[in-house]
Amino acid sequence: MNLSKLSRVDLLKLQNDISNEMDRRAEAEKDETRKKLEALAAEAGFSVEELFSVQKSRKRARAKVKYLDPKNAANAWSGRAPLARSRGESREKQRGFCYLIPMSLISRERVLQ
């Protein structure tokens, strides 16, 4: 097929037809492969779901707050992840943790105020 003789509109139509045919063939190959896998699994006495099951990961509980900003109780840190840089502080200041006070040293009444 000589593409140089086709118009731009014909080339666009051809491109669309090729794309549709590629999608159709990919689906056909997936179905064929799925059938082969099911037959092979059944021959071994298993189901495909049994062989390829994905275990759901456990959801971790939210970490308890260990450190609190004495100026703003909303700025809390559990100690697990790096400090959020959303407050616009420099990395050097964050490394010092100078404004963080362990929760064990703060009275519960003061935090709830």
C-alpha atoms as a PDB file:
ATOM      1  CA  MET A   1       0.000   0.000   0.000  1.00  0.00           C
ATOM      2  CA  ASN A   2       1.456   3.335  -1.039  1.00  0.00           C
ATOM      3  CA  LEU A   3       0.582   5.826   1.712  1.00  0.00           C
ATOM      4  CA  SER A   4       1.934   8.829  -0.150  1.00  0.00           C
ATOM      5  CA  LYS A   5      -1.002   8.702  -2.577  1.00  0.00           C
ATOM      6  CA  LEU A   6      -3.652   8.811   0.176  1.00  0.00           C
ATOM      7  CA  SER A   7      -5.241  12.058   1.311  1.00  0.00           C
ATOM      8  CA  ARG A   8      -4.953  13.279   4.900  1.00  0.00           C
ATOM      9  CA  VAL A   9      -8.577  12.304   5.575  1.00  0.00           C
ATOM     10  CA  ASP A  10      -7.974   8.800   4.208  1.00  0.00           C
ATOM     11  CA  LEU A  11      -4.849   8.475   6.361  1.00  0.00           C
ATOM     12  CA  LEU A  12      -6.786   9.510   9.482  1.00  0.00           C
ATOM     13  CA  LYS A  13      -9.489   6.946   8.696  1.00  0.00           C
ATOM     14  CA  LEU A  14      -6.842   4.290   8.136  1.00  0.00           C
ATOM     15  CA  GLN A  15      -5.162   5.217  11.419  1.00  0.00           C
ATOM     16  CA  ASN A  16      -8.495   4.904  13.248  1.00  0.00           C
ATOM     17  CA  ASP A  17      -9.217   1.544  11.593  1.00  0.00           C
ATOM     18  CA  ILE A  18      -5.767   0.249  12.554  1.00  0.00           C
ATOM     19  CA  SER A  19      -6.239   1.357  16.147  1.00  0.00           C
ATOM     20  CA  ASN A  20      -9.627  -0.367  16.365  1.00  0.00           C
ATOM     21  CA  GLU A  21      -8.243  -3.569  14.852  1.00  0.00           C
ATOM     22  CA  MET A  22      -5.291  -3.565  17.281  1.00  0.00           C
ATOM     23  CA  ASP A  23      -7.680  -3.225  20.241  1.00  0.00           C
ATOM     24  CA  ARG A  24      -9.888  -6.041  18.914  1.00  0.00           C
ATOM     25  CA  ARG A  25      -6.922  -8.366  18.426  1.00  0.00           C
ATOM     26  CA  ALA A  26      -5.514  -7.586  21.873  1.00  0.00           C
ATOM     27  CA  GLU A  27      -8.852  -8.534  23.454  1.00  0.00           C
ATOM     28  CA  ALA A  28      -8.971 -11.738  21.410  1.00  0.00           C
ATOM     29  CA  GLU A  29      -5.443 -12.665  22.545  1.00  0.00           C
ATOM     30  CA  LYS A  30      -6.357 -11.954  26.182  1.00  0.00           C
ATOM     31  CA  ASP A  31      -9.402 -14.213  25.933  1.00  0.00           C
ATOM     32  CA  GLU A  32      -7.347 -16.974  24.313  1.00  0.00           C
ATOM     33  CA  THR A  33      -4.636 -16.706  26.984  1.00  0.00           C
ATOM     34  CA  ARG A  34      -7.253 -16.673  29.754  1.00  0.00           C
ATOM     35  CA  LYS A  35      -8.795 -19.885  28.380  1.00  0.00           C
ATOM     36  CA  LYS A  36      -5.372 -21.556  28.186  1.00  0.00           C
ATOM     37  CA  LEU A  37      -4.587 -20.563  31.797  1.00  0.00           C
ATOM     38  CA  GLU A  38      -7.958 -21.829  33.027  1.00  0.00           C
ATOM     39  CA  ALA A  39      -7.429 -25.165  31.259  1.00  0.00           C
ATOM     40  CA  LEU A  40      -3.902 -25.522  32.624  1.00  0.00           C
ATOM     41  CA  ALA A  41      -5.031 -24.655  36.151  1.00  0.00           C
ATOM     42  CA  ALA A  42      -7.972 -27.066  35.965  1.00  0.00           C
ATOM     43  CA  GLU A  43      -5.625 -29.809  34.761  1.00  0.00           C
ATOM     44  CA  ALA A  44      -3.505 -29.255  37.887  1.00  0.00           C
ATOM     45  CA  GLY A  45      -6.597 -29.180  40.123  1.00  0.00           C
ATOM     46  CA  PHE A  46      -6.642 -25.445  40.878  1.00  0.00           C
ATOM     47  CA  SER A  47      -8.699 -22.442  39.879  1.00  0.00           C
ATOM     48  CA  VAL A  48      -7.125 -19.359  38.341  1.00  0.00           C
ATOM     49  CA  GLU A  49      -8.354 -17.249  41.272  1.00  0.00           C
ATOM     50  CA  GLU A  50      -6.687 -19.665  43.670  1.00  0.00           C
ATOM     51  CA  LEU A  51      -3.364 -19.389  41.855  1.00  0.00           C
ATOM     52  CA  PHE A  52      -3.355 -15.640  41.270  1.00  0.00           C
ATOM     53  CA  SER A  53      -5.238 -14.332  44.275  1.00  0.00           C
ATOM     54  CA  VAL A  54      -3.979 -11.059  45.644  1.00  0.00           C
ATOM     55  CA  GLN A  55      -4.142 -10.771  49.392  1.00  0.00           C
ATOM     56  CA  LYS A  56      -5.434  -7.490  50.676  1.00  0.00           C
ATOM     57  CA  SER A  57      -2.940  -5.633  52.769  1.00  0.00           C
ATOM     58  CA  ARG A  58      -3.787  -4.867  56.348  1.00  0.00           C
ATOM     59  CA  LYS A  59      -4.602  -1.301  57.051  1.00  0.00           C
ATOM     60  CA  ARG A  60      -2.357   0.161  59.713  1.00  0.00           C
ATOM     61  CA  ALA A  61      -3.846   2.072  62.548  1.00  0.00           C
ATOM     62  CA  ARG A  62      -3.066   5.754  62.656  1.00  0.00           C
ATOM     63  CA  ALA A  63       0.010   6.436  64.786  1.00  0.00           C
ATOM     64  CA  LYS A  64      -0.445   8.171  68.104  1.00  0.00           C
ATOM     65  CA  VAL A  65       0.832  11.721  68.414  1.00  0.00           C
ATOM     66  CA  LYS A  66       4.155  11.873  70.259  1.00  0.00           C
ATOM     67  CA  TYR A  67       5.191  15.474  69.686  1.00  0.00           C
ATOM     68  CA  LEU A  68       3.168  18.658  69.679  1.00  0.00           C
ATOM     69  CA  ASP A  69       3.884  22.240  68.714  1.00  0.00           C
ATOM     70  CA  PRO A  70       3.297  24.291  71.895  1.00  0.00           C
ATOM     71  CA  LYS A  71       2.137  27.281  69.836  1.00  0.00           C
ATOM     72  CA  ASN A  72      -0.394  25.355  67.752  1.00  0.00           C
ATOM     73  CA  ALA A  73      -1.890  22.036  68.867  1.00  0.00           C
ATOM     74  CA  ALA A  74      -2.868  21.258  65.275  1.00  0.00           C
ATOM     75  CA  ASN A  75       0.835  20.822  64.417  1.00  0.00           C
ATOM     76  CA  ALA A  76       1.370  17.325  65.742  1.00  0.00           C
ATOM     77  CA  TRP A  77       3.886  14.677  64.769  1.00  0.00           C
ATOM     78  CA  SER A  78       3.944  10.938  65.435  1.00  0.00           C
ATOM     79  CA  GLY A  79       7.684  10.557  64.935  1.00  0.00           C
ATOM     80  CA  ARG A  80       7.237   8.020  62.120  1.00  0.00           C
ATOM     81  CA  ALA A  81       7.411  10.120  58.980  1.00  0.00           C
ATOM     82  CA  PRO A  82       9.435  13.225  58.154  1.00  0.00           C
ATOM     83  CA  LEU A  83       7.954  16.453  59.396  1.00  0.00           C
ATOM     84  CA  ALA A  84       5.615  18.145  56.980  1.00  0.00           C
ATOM     85  CA  ARG A  85       7.255  21.112  55.318  1.00  0.00           C
ATOM     86  CA  SER A  86       3.892  22.763  54.760  1.00  0.00           C
ATOM     87  CA  ARG A  87       4.607  25.298  57.493  1.00  0.00           C
ATOM     88  CA  GLY A  88       7.374  26.812  55.388  1.00  0.00           C
ATOM     89  CA  GLU A  89      10.171  25.928  57.774  1.00  0.00           C
ATOM     90  CA  SER A  90      13.676  25.189  56.628  1.00  0.00           C
ATOM     91  CA  ARG A  91      15.014  21.664  56.758  1.00  0.00           C
ATOM     92  CA  GLU A  92      17.682  22.719  59.277  1.00  0.00           C
ATOM     93  CA  LYS A  93      15.081  24.030  61.712  1.00  0.00           C
ATOM     94  CA  GLN A  94      13.045  20.853  61.323  1.00  0.00           C
ATOM     95  CA  ARG A  95      16.070  18.693  62.112  1.00  0.00           C
ATOM     96  CA  GLY A  96      16.403  20.439  65.439  1.00  0.00           C
ATOM     97  CA  PHE A  97      12.809  19.744  66.475  1.00  0.00           C
ATOM     98  CA  CYS A  98      13.276  22.695  68.780  1.00  0.00           C
ATOM     99  CA  TYR A  99       9.598  23.581  68.927  1.00  0.00           C
ATOM    100  CA  LEU A 100       8.331  20.051  69.532  1.00  0.00           C
ATOM    101  CA  ILE A 101       7.531  18.932  73.028  1.00  0.00           C
ATOM    102  CA  PRO A 102       6.898  15.262  73.821  1.00  0.00           C
ATOM    103  CA  MET A 103       3.222  14.654  74.601  1.00  0.00           C
ATOM    104  CA  SER A 104       4.190  12.970  77.852  1.00  0.00           C
ATOM    105  CA  LEU A 105       5.382  16.338  79.173  1.00  0.00           C
ATOM    106  CA  ILE A 106       2.215  18.227  78.260  1.00  0.00           C
ATOM    107  CA  SER A 107      -0.824  18.047  80.463  1.00  0.00           C
ATOM    108  CA  ARG A 108      -3.972  16.833  78.747  1.00  0.00           C
ATOM    109  CA  GLU A 109      -5.932  19.913  79.896  1.00  0.00           C
ATOM    110  CA  ARG A 110      -3.457  22.236  78.176  1.00  0.00           C
ATOM    111  CA  VAL A 111      -3.775  20.394  74.875  1.00  0.00           C
ATOM    112  CA  LEU A 112      -7.561  20.527  74.904  1.00  0.00           C
ATOM    113  CA  GLN A 113      -7.698  24.293  75.493  1.00  0.00           C
END
